[in-house]
Amino acid sequence: MKVLGYKYTTEQDAINAREACDTYYGIPVLPTDVTQNWVEYQVASLDIPIFWYITHDDSLDVVLGTPIDFDVTEPPID
């Protein structure tokens, strides 16, 4: 599957990107808020090497910069 987004070689880099978005948008306001993160990352576990990624949204550009196009291997559909 083609993805437009942000690709990371380590999970920690993906966590850091998510935290940067949370800080920029002030999420969460309180620890008890339902919304704890502005964005969530995914793992491309079927790809070699494995990588982590965040799917693009216009609201992320100001924090994460210009997105790139890349492929993610999807599991077969039975």
N, C-alpha and C. Protein backbone atom coordinates (compact mmCIF):
# COMPACT_ATOMS: atom_id res chain seq x y z
N MET A 1 0.85 -1.17 0.00
CA MET A 1 0.00 0.00 0.00
C MET A 1 0.90 1.23 0.00
N LYS A 2 0.53 2.21 -0.79
CA LYS A 2 1.25 3.48 -0.82
C LYS A 2 0.78 4.35 0.34
N VAL A 3 1.74 4.97 1.01
CA VAL A 3 1.43 5.84 2.14
C VAL A 3 2.13 7.17 1.93
N LEU A 4 1.43 8.25 2.23
CA LEU A 4 2.04 9.57 2.31
C LEU A 4 2.16 9.88 3.79
N GLY A 5 3.37 10.09 4.25
CA GLY A 5 3.53 10.33 5.68
C GLY A 5 4.97 10.52 6.08
N TYR A 6 5.26 10.08 7.29
CA TYR A 6 6.56 10.28 7.92
C TYR A 6 7.06 8.92 8.38
N LYS A 7 8.27 8.56 7.98
CA LYS A 7 8.81 7.23 8.18
C LYS A 7 9.98 7.29 9.16
N TYR A 8 10.02 6.33 10.09
CA TYR A 8 11.05 6.32 11.13
C TYR A 8 11.70 4.94 11.23
N THR A 9 13.00 4.93 11.43
CA THR A 9 13.73 3.66 11.50
C THR A 9 13.72 3.05 12.89
N THR A 10 13.37 3.84 13.91
CA THR A 10 13.26 3.30 15.27
C THR A 10 11.92 3.71 15.88
N GLU A 11 11.44 2.89 16.78
CA GLU A 11 10.19 3.24 17.46
C GLU A 11 10.37 4.51 18.29
N GLN A 12 11.54 4.69 18.87
CA GLN A 12 11.77 5.89 19.67
C GLN A 12 11.65 7.16 18.83
N ASP A 13 12.11 7.12 17.59
CA ASP A 13 11.95 8.29 16.71
C ASP A 13 10.48 8.58 16.45
N ALA A 14 9.67 7.52 16.28
CA ALA A 14 8.22 7.70 16.08
C ALA A 14 7.58 8.27 17.34
N ILE A 15 8.00 7.78 18.49
CA ILE A 15 7.48 8.30 19.77
C ILE A 15 7.85 9.77 19.91
N ASN A 16 9.08 10.12 19.57
CA ASN A 16 9.52 11.51 19.67
C ASN A 16 8.70 12.41 18.75
N ALA A 17 8.39 11.92 17.54
CA ALA A 17 7.56 12.70 16.60
C ALA A 17 6.16 12.89 17.16
N ARG A 18 5.58 11.82 17.71
CA ARG A 18 4.25 11.92 18.32
C ARG A 18 4.26 12.92 19.48
N GLU A 19 5.28 12.85 20.31
CA GLU A 19 5.37 13.78 21.45
C GLU A 19 5.56 15.22 21.00
N ALA A 20 6.28 15.44 19.90
CA ALA A 20 6.45 16.79 19.37
C ALA A 20 5.09 17.35 18.94
N CYS A 21 4.27 16.51 18.31
CA CYS A 21 2.92 16.95 17.90
C CYS A 21 2.06 17.23 19.13
N ASP A 22 2.13 16.36 20.13
CA ASP A 22 1.37 16.56 21.36
C ASP A 22 1.75 17.89 22.02
N THR A 23 3.03 18.16 22.09
CA THR A 23 3.51 19.41 22.70
C THR A 23 3.03 20.62 21.90
N TYR A 24 3.16 20.56 20.59
CA TYR A 24 2.75 21.67 19.74
C TYR A 24 1.26 21.98 19.91
N TYR A 25 0.43 20.93 19.95
CA TYR A 25 -1.02 21.12 20.03
C TYR A 25 -1.56 21.10 21.46
N GLY A 26 -0.68 20.96 22.45
CA GLY A 26 -1.12 21.03 23.84
C GLY A 26 -1.99 19.86 24.27
N ILE A 27 -1.69 18.67 23.77
CA ILE A 27 -2.46 17.47 24.08
C ILE A 27 -1.62 16.58 24.99
N PRO A 28 -2.13 16.00 26.04
CA PRO A 28 -3.44 16.27 26.63
C PRO A 28 -3.39 17.51 27.52
N VAL A 29 -4.53 18.14 27.69
CA VAL A 29 -4.62 19.29 28.60
C VAL A 29 -4.53 18.78 30.03
N LEU A 30 -5.26 17.72 30.31
CA LEU A 30 -5.24 17.07 31.62
C LEU A 30 -4.93 15.59 31.45
N PRO A 31 -4.29 14.96 32.44
CA PRO A 31 -4.00 13.52 32.33
C PRO A 31 -5.25 12.66 32.20
N THR A 32 -6.39 13.18 32.60
CA THR A 32 -7.64 12.42 32.52
C THR A 32 -8.39 12.63 31.21
N ASP A 33 -7.86 13.47 30.31
CA ASP A 33 -8.52 13.71 29.02
C ASP A 33 -8.63 12.42 28.22
N VAL A 34 -9.71 12.30 27.46
CA VAL A 34 -9.89 11.15 26.58
C VAL A 34 -8.81 11.15 25.49
N THR A 35 -8.56 12.30 24.90
CA THR A 35 -7.54 12.41 23.85
C THR A 35 -6.18 12.60 24.51
N GLN A 36 -5.33 11.60 24.32
CA GLN A 36 -3.99 11.63 24.92
C GLN A 36 -2.90 11.98 23.92
N ASN A 37 -3.17 11.77 22.63
CA ASN A 37 -2.19 12.06 21.59
C ASN A 37 -2.86 12.71 20.39
N TRP A 38 -2.13 13.63 19.75
CA TRP A 38 -2.64 14.28 18.54
C TRP A 38 -2.64 13.31 17.37
N VAL A 39 -1.65 12.43 17.36
CA VAL A 39 -1.47 11.47 16.26
C VAL A 39 -0.91 10.18 16.84
N GLU A 40 -1.12 9.08 16.13
CA GLU A 40 -0.55 7.80 16.55
C GLU A 40 0.31 7.25 15.42
N TYR A 41 1.34 6.53 15.79
CA TYR A 41 2.20 5.90 14.78
C TYR A 41 1.81 4.44 14.61
N GLN A 42 2.22 3.89 13.47
CA GLN A 42 1.97 2.48 13.14
C GLN A 42 3.31 1.80 12.91
N VAL A 43 3.29 0.47 12.98
CA VAL A 43 4.51 -0.29 12.68
C VAL A 43 4.29 -1.09 11.40
N ALA A 44 5.27 -1.03 10.52
CA ALA A 44 5.25 -1.82 9.28
C ALA A 44 5.98 -3.12 9.57
N SER A 45 5.33 -4.01 10.28
CA SER A 45 5.98 -5.22 10.78
C SER A 45 6.24 -6.28 9.71
N LEU A 46 5.59 -6.17 8.55
CA LEU A 46 5.81 -7.13 7.48
C LEU A 46 6.92 -6.68 6.52
N ASP A 47 7.42 -5.49 6.71
CA ASP A 47 8.50 -4.99 5.87
C ASP A 47 9.85 -5.33 6.48
N ILE A 48 10.86 -5.47 5.62
CA ILE A 48 12.21 -5.74 6.08
C ILE A 48 13.10 -4.65 5.51
N PRO A 49 13.76 -3.86 6.34
CA PRO A 49 13.63 -3.88 7.80
C PRO A 49 12.30 -3.27 8.25
N ILE A 50 11.89 -3.64 9.45
CA ILE A 50 10.69 -3.07 10.06
C ILE A 50 10.90 -1.56 10.23
N PHE A 51 9.83 -0.80 10.06
CA PHE A 51 9.90 0.64 10.33
C PHE A 51 8.58 1.11 10.93
N TRP A 52 8.60 2.31 11.44
CA TRP A 52 7.43 2.92 12.06
C TRP A 52 7.06 4.13 11.22
N TYR A 53 5.76 4.45 11.21
CA TYR A 53 5.34 5.57 10.36
C TYR A 53 4.10 6.25 10.93
N ILE A 54 3.94 7.49 10.50
CA ILE A 54 2.77 8.30 10.82
C ILE A 54 2.17 8.72 9.48
N THR A 55 0.89 8.45 9.31
CA THR A 55 0.19 8.83 8.09
C THR A 55 0.00 10.35 8.06
N HIS A 56 0.18 10.94 6.90
CA HIS A 56 0.11 12.40 6.76
C HIS A 56 -1.27 12.97 7.07
N ASP A 57 -1.25 14.11 7.68
CA ASP A 57 -2.41 15.00 7.85
C ASP A 57 -1.84 16.41 7.75
N ASP A 58 -2.58 17.31 7.15
CA ASP A 58 -2.09 18.68 6.97
C ASP A 58 -1.65 19.32 8.29
N SER A 59 -2.29 18.95 9.39
CA SER A 59 -1.96 19.55 10.69
C SER A 59 -0.57 19.15 11.17
N LEU A 60 0.03 18.14 10.58
CA LEU A 60 1.35 17.66 11.01
C LEU A 60 2.50 18.39 10.34
N ASP A 61 2.23 19.01 9.19
CA ASP A 61 3.31 19.65 8.42
C ASP A 61 4.10 20.66 9.22
N VAL A 62 3.41 21.45 10.03
CA VAL A 62 4.08 22.50 10.80
C VAL A 62 5.04 21.91 11.83
N VAL A 63 4.79 20.69 12.27
CA VAL A 63 5.64 20.04 13.28
C VAL A 63 6.64 19.08 12.64
N LEU A 64 6.17 18.24 11.73
CA LEU A 64 7.01 17.16 11.19
C LEU A 64 7.62 17.46 9.83
N GLY A 65 7.18 18.55 9.20
CA GLY A 65 7.76 18.92 7.92
C GLY A 65 7.04 18.30 6.74
N THR A 66 7.76 18.18 5.64
CA THR A 66 7.19 17.69 4.39
C THR A 66 7.10 16.16 4.42
N PRO A 67 5.92 15.61 4.14
CA PRO A 67 5.77 14.16 4.12
C PRO A 67 6.41 13.54 2.87
N ILE A 68 6.62 12.22 2.94
CA ILE A 68 7.17 11.49 1.80
C ILE A 68 6.21 10.36 1.42
N ASP A 69 6.38 9.84 0.21
CA ASP A 69 5.63 8.66 -0.24
C ASP A 69 6.48 7.42 0.02
N PHE A 70 5.86 6.36 0.53
CA PHE A 70 6.56 5.09 0.73
C PHE A 70 5.55 3.95 0.72
N ASP A 71 6.06 2.74 0.61
CA ASP A 71 5.23 1.55 0.56
C ASP A 71 5.23 0.84 1.91
N VAL A 72 4.07 0.30 2.26
CA VAL A 72 3.91 -0.54 3.46
C VAL A 72 3.29 -1.85 3.00
N THR A 73 3.90 -2.96 3.39
CA THR A 73 3.39 -4.28 3.05
C THR A 73 2.19 -4.60 3.94
N GLU A 74 1.09 -4.98 3.31
CA GLU A 74 -0.12 -5.35 4.04
C GLU A 74 -0.24 -6.87 4.11
N PRO A 75 -0.85 -7.37 5.17
CA PRO A 75 -1.06 -8.82 5.24
C PRO A 75 -2.04 -9.28 4.16
N PRO A 76 -1.87 -10.52 3.69
CA PRO A 76 -2.80 -11.01 2.67
C PRO A 76 -4.22 -11.12 3.22
N ILE A 77 -5.18 -10.88 2.35
CA ILE A 77 -6.59 -11.00 2.73
C ILE A 77 -7.04 -12.41 2.39
N ASP A 78 -7.57 -13.10 3.38
CA ASP A 78 -8.03 -14.48 3.15
C ASP A 78 -9.41 -14.51 2.57
